[in-house]
């Protein structure tokens, strides 16, 4: 039972640590700059995809003479293609037989294990290099047999363009083949409808409602939120470790211990810096809430649906649990060693424990409720990151979340008790680097 005087001492240490952190220019800069960078990370790519597109002209050269007309009809009727993707398809007024011959030679060479080098006639090559066209779609005479098309451009990374070309050619080719083989137009129509591409709308089901989303958004935002949590836990854990090493080497800790005990110093330092970290997170959440409430910045609604108040609450809960758990581990390392080199060696396993959730992140996003993932998320040292990631993907049963929190709190209390014992001895130990065996012995001292 702590006396009133001891409580005042630990409060003084908490206030000292808190003030030292929040008064630093680096804290103020990080508090302002981090959400700006985070917002830029999410929103700038989206805005660039909307305002950064310029019209692309794709020339079609159809040596089969069975694709281009239907292709142009499809592209001219596609409003999204014209207005959003800004794609324009044109046909060549005169196709050069030399290029047709080059196509056939290339295809024949590939079948015989030839080179990947593709030859364009000078006129087509110069049109692309001189920016007169942005791409050239070549359709060979034997497309029905080979089902091959050739697309040439300086930039081939436009996924929307590639998807549209592939799906449209496939649709036209299938329709042509069906009409040749089946004389009844009604049957052809039925078959075309039966084999038409499906455009799925994806919805996330939650207790509060069902909202539209996308698999890419869910995955990217889950990894993004996990990265933020990882960065904060790692950053403040390293801050505590280096602070303890610095005070130990400068003999400041001896002055502090002369007016209080090591246990008060241990808890006061962790709680004080933790409050500073929580202040920073609180400011970020408040800024996010205000900005999201007043502005949308053209953000995809699926992202706004992802960033719910419920997710924010869980972020704070698992941040607090993770902070205390890992700050205790990092402070133990700081008290046990004398140099930054020794600290890096001893803190490496702690870092690995934070990295492991990233290694199994894809499994979590695709299968968040497998027995392996459930058990892993209940393991205390993985819980802050792994359980939060499960919640961000598909909220598990509340009983699992509650159990993970209880287990983590119990583990943290035990870790704090052990940590205080190690801190008491290690903070006053100088000279050689202690072995793991020696550190374990410190926990047995009375």
Protein backbone atom coordinates (compact mmCIF):
# COMPACT_ATOMS: atom_id res chain seq x y z
CA UNK A 1 0.00 0.00 0.00
CA UNK A 2 1.56 3.27 -1.09
CA UNK A 3 1.61 6.21 1.32
CA UNK A 4 0.50 9.68 0.33
CA UNK A 5 4.13 10.79 0.11
CA UNK A 6 5.01 7.93 -2.26
CA UNK A 7 2.01 8.74 -4.43
CA UNK A 8 3.17 12.35 -4.66
CA UNK A 9 6.65 11.18 -5.69
CA UNK A 10 5.40 8.89 -8.43
CA UNK A 11 3.05 11.64 -9.67
CA UNK A 12 6.02 14.00 -9.79
CA UNK A 13 7.98 11.50 -11.89
CA UNK A 14 4.99 10.97 -14.21
CA UNK A 15 4.59 14.73 -14.65
CA UNK A 16 8.35 15.15 -15.25
CA UNK A 17 8.44 12.48 -17.95
CA UNK A 18 5.26 13.77 -19.57
CA UNK A 19 6.48 17.36 -19.62
CA UNK A 20 9.88 16.41 -21.02
CA UNK A 21 8.22 14.67 -23.99
CA UNK A 22 5.43 17.10 -24.87
CA UNK A 23 7.67 20.18 -24.60
CA UNK A 24 10.09 18.86 -27.19
CA UNK A 25 9.91 20.43 -30.65
CA UNK A 26 10.13 16.93 -32.13
CA UNK A 27 6.88 15.97 -30.34
CA UNK A 28 5.04 19.02 -31.68
CA UNK A 29 6.40 18.54 -35.19
CA UNK A 30 5.58 14.81 -35.19
CA UNK A 31 2.07 15.47 -33.85
CA UNK A 32 1.35 17.90 -36.69
CA UNK A 33 3.39 16.31 -39.46
CA UNK A 34 2.44 12.65 -38.94
CA UNK A 35 -1.31 13.03 -39.71
CA UNK A 36 -0.42 15.22 -42.71
CA UNK A 37 1.87 12.52 -44.06
CA UNK A 38 -0.72 9.84 -43.22
CA UNK A 39 -3.41 11.78 -45.07
CA UNK A 40 -1.07 12.31 -48.00
CA UNK A 41 -0.31 8.59 -48.06
CA UNK A 42 -4.02 7.78 -48.44
CA UNK A 43 -5.53 10.69 -50.29
CA UNK A 44 -2.93 12.02 -52.74
CA UNK A 45 -2.80 8.80 -54.83
CA UNK A 46 -6.61 8.89 -55.05
CA UNK A 47 -6.69 12.52 -56.08
CA UNK A 48 -3.94 11.95 -58.62
CA UNK A 49 -5.89 9.13 -60.22
CA UNK A 50 -8.79 11.58 -60.68
CA UNK A 51 -7.01 14.77 -61.73
CA UNK A 52 -3.76 13.31 -63.01
CA UNK A 53 -5.16 11.36 -65.96
CA UNK A 54 -4.83 12.78 -69.43
CA UNK A 55 -6.54 11.49 -72.54
CA UNK A 56 -4.91 8.41 -74.00
CA UNK A 57 -5.28 7.57 -77.68
CA UNK A 58 -5.02 3.89 -78.52
CA UNK A 59 -4.75 2.90 -82.17
CA UNK A 60 -6.26 -0.42 -83.23
CA UNK A 61 -4.78 -2.32 -86.18
CA UNK A 62 -6.99 -5.31 -86.90
CA UNK A 63 -5.58 -7.72 -89.48
CA UNK A 64 -8.41 -10.18 -88.77
CA UNK A 65 -11.06 -7.53 -89.56
CA UNK A 66 -13.45 -9.09 -87.05
CA UNK A 67 -12.69 -7.13 -83.85
CA UNK A 68 -12.25 -3.41 -84.48
CA UNK A 69 -15.84 -2.39 -85.39
CA UNK A 70 -17.43 -4.03 -82.36
CA UNK A 71 -14.56 -2.84 -80.18
CA UNK A 72 -15.17 0.78 -81.17
CA UNK A 73 -18.90 0.39 -80.47
CA UNK A 74 -18.22 -0.95 -76.99
CA UNK A 75 -15.68 1.78 -76.19
CA UNK A 76 -17.85 4.62 -77.50
CA UNK A 77 -20.80 3.47 -75.37
CA UNK A 78 -18.73 3.15 -72.19
CA UNK A 79 -19.17 6.44 -70.31
CA UNK A 80 -16.76 5.47 -67.50
CA UNK A 81 -14.10 4.72 -70.11
CA UNK A 82 -14.47 8.08 -71.81
CA UNK A 83 -15.04 10.42 -68.84
CA UNK A 84 -13.14 8.80 -65.96
CA UNK A 85 -10.37 6.85 -67.63
CA UNK A 86 -10.17 9.27 -70.60
CA UNK A 87 -9.44 6.53 -73.11
CA UNK A 88 -10.03 7.04 -76.81
CA UNK A 89 -9.74 4.24 -79.38
CA UNK A 90 -9.14 4.92 -83.06
CA UNK A 91 -8.57 2.67 -86.06
CA UNK A 92 -5.77 2.86 -88.59
CA UNK A 93 -6.86 4.17 -91.98
CA UNK A 94 -4.23 2.01 -93.65
CA UNK A 95 -2.64 -1.05 -92.11
CA UNK A 96 0.79 -2.07 -93.29
CA UNK A 97 1.24 -5.65 -94.43
CA UNK A 98 4.84 -5.55 -93.23
CA UNK A 99 3.64 -5.39 -89.61
CA UNK A 100 1.32 -8.33 -90.21
CA UNK A 101 4.30 -10.33 -91.45
CA UNK A 102 6.31 -9.34 -88.37
CA UNK A 103 3.43 -10.52 -86.15
CA UNK A 104 3.37 -13.93 -87.77
CA UNK A 105 7.16 -14.27 -87.61
CA UNK A 106 7.15 -13.36 -83.93
CA UNK A 107 4.36 -15.83 -83.11
CA UNK A 108 6.10 -18.59 -85.06
CA UNK A 109 9.40 -17.82 -83.33
CA UNK A 110 7.78 -17.94 -79.86
CA UNK A 111 6.30 -21.36 -80.59
CA UNK A 112 9.82 -22.52 -81.45
CA UNK A 113 11.34 -21.03 -78.29
CA UNK A 114 12.52 -17.79 -79.89
CA UNK A 115 13.38 -14.36 -78.43
CA UNK A 116 10.99 -12.03 -76.58
CA UNK A 117 12.06 -9.11 -78.77
CA UNK A 118 9.11 -7.74 -80.71
CA UNK A 119 9.58 -5.71 -83.92
CA UNK A 120 7.44 -2.73 -84.85
CA UNK A 121 7.54 -1.03 -88.21
CA UNK A 122 9.12 2.42 -88.07
CA UNK A 123 5.87 4.27 -88.70
CA UNK A 124 4.13 2.71 -85.66
CA UNK A 125 7.22 2.93 -83.48
CA UNK A 126 7.66 6.63 -84.26
CA UNK A 127 3.99 7.38 -83.59
CA UNK A 128 4.40 6.00 -80.06
CA UNK A 129 7.77 7.64 -79.39
CA UNK A 130 6.58 11.00 -80.76
CA UNK A 131 3.50 10.86 -78.46
CA UNK A 132 1.06 10.92 -81.37
CA UNK A 133 -0.59 7.84 -79.90
CA UNK A 134 -0.26 6.31 -76.43
CA UNK A 135 -0.59 2.70 -77.46
CA UNK A 136 -0.96 0.33 -80.37
CA UNK A 137 -3.28 -2.67 -80.26
CA UNK A 138 -2.37 -5.24 -82.90
CA UNK A 139 -4.84 -8.02 -83.71
CA UNK A 140 -3.44 -10.79 -85.94
CA UNK A 141 -5.34 -12.61 -88.67
CA UNK A 142 -5.34 -15.90 -86.80
CA UNK A 143 -6.70 -14.52 -83.52
CA UNK A 144 -9.48 -17.13 -83.47
CA UNK A 145 -6.91 -19.93 -83.42
CA UNK A 146 -4.18 -18.31 -81.31
CA UNK A 147 -6.36 -16.05 -79.12
CA UNK A 148 -3.39 -13.70 -78.93
CA UNK A 149 -3.36 -9.91 -79.11
CA UNK A 150 -0.36 -7.57 -78.99
CA UNK A 151 -0.32 -4.26 -77.15
CA UNK A 152 2.65 -1.90 -77.56
CA UNK A 153 3.16 1.30 -75.52
CA UNK A 154 5.81 3.19 -73.60
CA UNK A 155 3.78 2.65 -70.44
CA UNK A 156 1.99 -0.69 -70.04
CA UNK A 157 1.08 -0.31 -66.31
CA UNK A 158 -2.44 1.10 -66.80
CA UNK A 159 -4.38 -1.79 -65.26
CA UNK A 160 -7.80 -0.38 -66.16
CA UNK A 161 -6.82 -0.08 -69.81
CA UNK A 162 -5.36 -3.60 -69.91
CA UNK A 163 -8.46 -5.05 -68.25
CA UNK A 164 -10.81 -3.29 -70.68
CA UNK A 165 -8.88 -4.44 -73.76
CA UNK A 166 -8.72 -8.06 -72.61
CA UNK A 167 -12.36 -8.32 -71.56
CA UNK A 168 -13.69 -6.54 -74.67
CA UNK A 169 -11.68 -8.63 -77.14
CA UNK A 170 -12.73 -11.79 -75.32
CA UNK A 171 -16.39 -10.78 -75.45
CA UNK A 172 -16.28 -9.89 -79.16
CA UNK A 173 -14.36 -13.01 -80.11
CA UNK A 174 -16.72 -15.28 -78.18
CA UNK A 175 -19.72 -13.66 -79.83
CA UNK A 176 -18.21 -14.07 -83.33
CA UNK A 177 -17.43 -17.75 -82.77
CA UNK A 178 -20.92 -18.44 -81.41
CA UNK A 179 -22.58 -16.75 -84.40
CA UNK A 180 -20.51 -18.81 -86.80
CA UNK A 181 -21.31 -22.10 -85.11
CA UNK A 182 -24.93 -21.46 -84.16
CA UNK A 183 -27.45 -20.28 -86.73
CA UNK A 184 -30.23 -19.36 -84.30
CA UNK A 185 -29.63 -15.74 -83.07
CA UNK A 186 -31.80 -16.33 -80.00
CA UNK A 187 -29.56 -19.16 -78.82
CA UNK A 188 -26.49 -17.01 -79.47
CA UNK A 189 -28.00 -14.26 -77.27
CA UNK A 190 -28.75 -16.73 -74.52
CA UNK A 191 -25.20 -18.11 -74.59
CA UNK A 192 -23.70 -14.60 -74.58
CA UNK A 193 -25.76 -13.68 -71.54
CA UNK A 194 -24.84 -16.93 -69.84
CA UNK A 195 -21.10 -16.31 -70.35
CA UNK A 196 -21.06 -12.52 -69.75
CA UNK A 197 -18.61 -11.14 -67.19
CA UNK A 198 -19.88 -10.52 -63.66
CA UNK A 199 -19.26 -7.13 -62.02
CA UNK A 200 -19.51 -7.74 -58.27
CA UNK A 201 -20.36 -5.13 -55.65
CA UNK A 202 -18.77 -6.04 -52.31
CA UNK A 203 -20.44 -5.19 -48.98
CA UNK A 204 -19.12 -5.45 -45.44
CA UNK A 205 -21.71 -6.78 -42.99
CA UNK A 206 -21.61 -5.37 -39.45
CA UNK A 207 -24.10 -5.16 -36.61
CA UNK A 208 -24.67 -1.46 -37.27
CA UNK A 209 -25.32 -1.94 -40.97
CA UNK A 210 -24.07 -3.17 -44.31
CA UNK A 211 -21.82 -0.86 -46.32
CA UNK A 212 -20.18 -1.05 -49.73
CA UNK A 213 -16.43 -1.64 -49.80
CA UNK A 214 -13.73 -3.36 -51.82
CA UNK A 215 -11.24 -6.11 -51.05
CA UNK A 216 -8.35 -3.83 -51.98
CA UNK A 217 -9.53 -1.09 -49.63
CA UNK A 218 -10.02 -3.50 -46.72
CA UNK A 219 -6.55 -5.00 -47.18
CA UNK A 220 -4.68 -1.73 -47.71
CA UNK A 221 -6.39 0.10 -44.85
CA UNK A 222 -5.84 -2.83 -42.46
CA UNK A 223 -2.13 -2.88 -43.29
CA UNK A 224 -2.04 0.92 -43.05
CA UNK A 225 -3.62 0.99 -39.58
CA UNK A 226 -1.36 -1.84 -38.44
CA UNK A 227 1.65 0.12 -39.67
CA UNK A 228 0.62 3.16 -37.63
CA UNK A 229 0.16 1.04 -34.50
CA UNK A 230 3.50 -0.71 -35.07
CA UNK A 231 5.29 2.62 -35.59
CA UNK A 232 3.92 4.16 -32.38
CA UNK A 233 4.69 1.10 -30.24
CA UNK A 234 8.19 0.79 -31.69
CA UNK A 235 8.91 4.52 -31.55
CA UNK A 236 7.89 5.09 -27.93
CA UNK A 237 9.41 1.79 -26.80
CA UNK A 238 12.76 2.81 -28.30
CA UNK A 239 12.36 6.26 -26.72
CA UNK A 240 11.98 4.76 -23.24
CA UNK A 241 14.93 2.39 -23.75
CA UNK A 242 17.29 5.12 -24.91
CA UNK A 243 16.10 7.48 -22.17
CA UNK A 244 16.87 4.90 -19.48
CA UNK A 245 20.33 4.22 -20.98
CA UNK A 246 21.09 7.95 -21.14
CA UNK A 247 20.03 8.63 -17.55
CA UNK A 248 21.93 5.57 -16.38
CA UNK A 249 25.17 6.56 -18.13
CA UNK A 250 24.90 10.21 -17.04
CA UNK A 251 24.28 9.13 -13.42
CA UNK A 252 21.03 11.13 -13.41
CA UNK A 253 19.23 8.01 -12.20
CA UNK A 254 21.29 8.02 -9.00
CA UNK A 255 20.05 11.51 -8.18
CA UNK A 256 16.46 10.46 -8.85
CA UNK A 257 16.75 7.33 -6.71
CA UNK A 258 18.08 9.41 -3.83
CA UNK A 259 14.66 11.03 -3.54
CA UNK A 260 12.47 8.04 -4.42
CA UNK A 261 12.69 4.29 -4.98
CA UNK A 262 13.35 2.42 -8.24
CA UNK A 263 9.80 1.08 -8.42
CA UNK A 264 8.34 4.60 -8.45
CA UNK A 265 10.89 5.60 -11.06
CA UNK A 266 10.09 2.56 -13.21
CA UNK A 267 6.31 3.03 -13.18
CA UNK A 268 6.49 6.82 -13.30
CA UNK A 269 8.67 6.82 -16.39
CA UNK A 270 6.46 4.34 -18.27
CA UNK A 271 3.18 6.03 -17.30
CA UNK A 272 4.48 9.56 -17.97
CA UNK A 273 5.77 8.77 -21.45
CA UNK A 274 2.64 6.69 -22.08
CA UNK A 275 0.43 9.69 -21.32
CA UNK A 276 2.47 11.74 -23.78
CA UNK A 277 1.95 9.04 -26.43
CA UNK A 278 -1.77 8.88 -25.63
CA UNK A 279 -1.96 12.67 -25.93
CA UNK A 280 -0.47 12.45 -29.39
CA UNK A 281 -2.84 9.67 -30.47
CA UNK A 282 -5.80 11.62 -29.00
CA UNK A 283 -4.86 14.72 -31.01
CA UNK A 284 -4.62 12.63 -34.19
CA UNK A 285 -8.03 11.04 -33.63
CA UNK A 286 -9.59 14.43 -32.88
CA UNK A 287 -8.06 15.97 -36.01
CA UNK A 288 -9.26 13.01 -38.06
CA UNK A 289 -12.78 13.24 -36.64
CA UNK A 290 -13.03 16.99 -37.30
CA UNK A 291 -11.65 16.80 -40.85
CA UNK A 292 -13.69 13.74 -41.84
CA UNK A 293 -16.81 15.35 -40.44
CA UNK A 294 -16.43 18.57 -42.45
CA UNK A 295 -14.62 17.51 -45.59
CA UNK A 296 -14.52 14.44 -47.77
CA UNK A 297 -11.59 15.51 -49.99
CA UNK A 298 -13.03 13.26 -52.69
CA UNK A 299 -12.18 10.19 -50.64
CA UNK A 300 -13.60 6.85 -51.69
CA UNK A 301 -16.65 6.13 -49.51
CA UNK A 302 -15.32 2.66 -48.76
CA UNK A 303 -12.43 4.28 -46.86
CA UNK A 304 -14.80 6.50 -44.88
CA UNK A 305 -16.89 3.43 -44.07
CA UNK A 306 -13.72 1.66 -42.89
CA UNK A 307 -12.64 4.45 -40.51
CA UNK A 308 -15.45 4.04 -37.97
CA UNK A 309 -15.57 5.39 -34.37
CA UNK A 310 -15.65 1.76 -33.18
CA UNK A 311 -12.34 1.10 -34.93
CA UNK A 312 -10.92 4.25 -33.33
CA UNK A 313 -11.88 3.01 -29.85
CA UNK A 314 -10.26 -0.38 -30.45
CA UNK A 315 -7.17 1.37 -31.79
CA UNK A 316 -6.81 3.30 -28.52
CA UNK A 317 -7.49 0.19 -26.38
CA UNK A 318 -4.90 -1.96 -28.14
CA UNK A 319 -2.47 0.92 -28.32
CA UNK A 320 -2.60 1.31 -24.52
CA UNK A 321 -2.20 -2.44 -23.97
CA UNK A 322 0.59 -2.69 -26.52
CA UNK A 323 2.35 0.39 -25.22
CA UNK A 324 2.58 -0.82 -21.62
CA UNK A 325 3.53 -4.34 -22.68
CA UNK A 326 6.35 -3.33 -25.00
CA UNK A 327 7.51 -0.27 -23.03
CA UNK A 328 8.12 -2.57 -20.06
CA UNK A 329 10.19 -4.88 -22.25
CA UNK A 330 12.17 -1.99 -23.74
CA UNK A 331 12.74 -0.40 -20.30
CA UNK A 332 14.07 -3.74 -19.01
CA UNK A 333 16.58 -3.75 -21.88
CA UNK A 334 17.53 -0.13 -21.15
CA UNK A 335 18.15 -0.84 -17.47
CA UNK A 336 20.12 -4.02 -18.18
CA UNK A 337 22.66 -2.67 -20.68
CA UNK A 338 25.15 0.19 -20.82
CA UNK A 339 25.48 1.07 -24.53
CA UNK A 340 23.30 1.50 -27.60
CA UNK A 341 25.06 -1.43 -29.28
CA UNK A 342 24.12 -3.76 -26.41
CA UNK A 343 20.58 -2.35 -26.45
CA UNK A 344 20.19 -3.12 -30.17
CA UNK A 345 21.29 -6.70 -29.59
CA UNK A 346 18.90 -7.30 -26.68
CA UNK A 347 15.97 -5.42 -28.22
CA UNK A 348 16.10 -7.33 -31.54
CA UNK A 349 13.81 -10.18 -30.29
CA UNK A 350 11.28 -7.59 -29.10
CA UNK A 351 11.29 -6.01 -32.55
CA UNK A 352 10.72 -9.43 -34.15
CA UNK A 353 7.64 -9.92 -31.97
CA UNK A 354 6.20 -6.75 -33.46
CA UNK A 355 7.17 -7.69 -37.02
CA UNK A 356 5.64 -11.20 -36.99
CA UNK A 357 2.04 -9.90 -37.46
CA UNK A 358 3.18 -8.28 -40.71
CA UNK A 359 4.55 -11.63 -41.86
CA UNK A 360 1.19 -13.32 -41.39
CA UNK A 361 -0.83 -10.26 -42.38
CA UNK A 362 -2.04 -11.69 -45.70
CA UNK A 363 -3.33 -14.80 -43.92
CA UNK A 364 -5.19 -12.62 -41.41
CA UNK A 365 -6.86 -10.47 -44.08
CA UNK A 366 -7.98 -13.50 -46.10
CA UNK A 367 -8.81 -15.89 -43.24
CA UNK A 368 -9.21 -13.91 -39.99
CA UNK A 369 -11.05 -16.70 -38.16
CA UNK A 370 -8.88 -19.77 -38.73
CA UNK A 371 -7.81 -21.63 -35.55
CA UNK A 372 -4.17 -20.60 -36.07
CA UNK A 373 -5.01 -16.89 -36.38
CA UNK A 374 -7.40 -17.01 -33.40
CA UNK A 375 -4.79 -18.65 -31.16
CA UNK A 376 -2.05 -16.29 -32.39
CA UNK A 377 -4.22 -13.23 -31.70
CA UNK A 378 -4.78 -14.45 -28.12
CA UNK A 379 -1.02 -14.75 -27.51
CA UNK A 380 -0.36 -11.61 -25.39
CA UNK A 381 2.69 -10.33 -27.25
CA UNK A 382 0.83 -10.59 -30.59
CA UNK A 383 -2.57 -9.40 -29.34
CA UNK A 384 -2.14 -5.61 -29.69
CA UNK A 385 -1.32 -5.83 -33.40
CA UNK A 386 -2.88 -9.11 -34.52
CA UNK A 387 -6.24 -8.79 -32.75
CA UNK A 388 -6.55 -5.21 -33.93
CA UNK A 389 -5.87 -6.35 -37.48
CA UNK A 390 -8.59 -9.02 -37.18
CA UNK A 391 -11.01 -6.37 -35.95
CA UNK A 392 -10.16 -4.06 -38.86
CA UNK A 393 -10.80 -6.86 -41.39
CA UNK A 394 -13.82 -8.66 -39.91
CA UNK A 395 -14.74 -7.98 -36.29
CA UNK A 396 -14.55 -11.30 -34.40
CA UNK A 397 -16.92 -12.33 -31.61
CA UNK A 398 -16.77 -9.91 -28.69
CA UNK A 399 -15.94 -12.81 -26.39
CA UNK A 400 -12.65 -13.28 -28.28
CA UNK A 401 -11.84 -9.57 -28.11
CA UNK A 402 -12.68 -9.43 -24.39
CA UNK A 403 -10.64 -12.57 -23.67
CA UNK A 404 -7.63 -11.16 -25.54
CA UNK A 405 -7.83 -7.94 -23.53
CA UNK A 406 -8.08 -9.78 -20.19
CA UNK A 407 -5.17 -12.11 -21.04
CA UNK A 408 -3.07 -9.17 -22.21
CA UNK A 409 -3.77 -7.12 -19.08
CA UNK A 410 -2.91 -10.09 -16.86
CA UNK A 411 0.29 -10.70 -18.80
CA UNK A 412 1.22 -7.00 -18.63
CA UNK A 413 0.73 -6.93 -14.83
CA UNK A 414 2.99 -9.97 -14.49
CA UNK A 415 5.51 -8.41 -16.86
CA UNK A 416 5.46 -5.16 -14.85
CA UNK A 417 6.14 -7.05 -11.61
CA UNK A 418 9.10 -8.88 -13.19
CA UNK A 419 10.26 -5.71 -14.94
CA UNK A 420 10.30 -3.69 -11.71
CA UNK A 421 12.55 -6.31 -10.11
CA UNK A 422 14.99 -6.33 -13.04
CA UNK A 423 14.91 -2.53 -13.27
CA UNK A 424 15.72 -2.21 -9.54
CA UNK A 425 18.99 -4.11 -9.93
CA UNK A 426 19.94 -3.30 -13.52
CA UNK A 427 19.59 0.47 -13.29
CA UNK A 428 22.52 0.62 -10.85
CA UNK A 429 24.69 -2.00 -12.59
CA UNK A 430 27.60 -0.66 -14.60
CA UNK A 431 30.49 -2.25 -16.43
CA UNK A 432 30.14 -5.54 -18.27
CA UNK A 433 27.05 -6.59 -20.19
CA UNK A 434 24.97 -8.97 -18.08
CA UNK A 435 24.02 -12.38 -19.46
CA UNK A 436 20.43 -13.58 -19.76
CA UNK A 437 21.15 -15.96 -16.85
CA UNK A 438 22.22 -13.03 -14.64
CA UNK A 439 19.14 -11.00 -15.57
CA UNK A 440 16.92 -13.93 -14.58
CA UNK A 441 18.71 -14.07 -11.21
CA UNK A 442 17.82 -10.41 -10.61
CA UNK A 443 14.14 -11.33 -10.54
CA UNK A 444 14.82 -13.56 -7.49
CA UNK A 445 16.49 -10.85 -5.40
CA UNK A 446 14.45 -9.55 -2.48
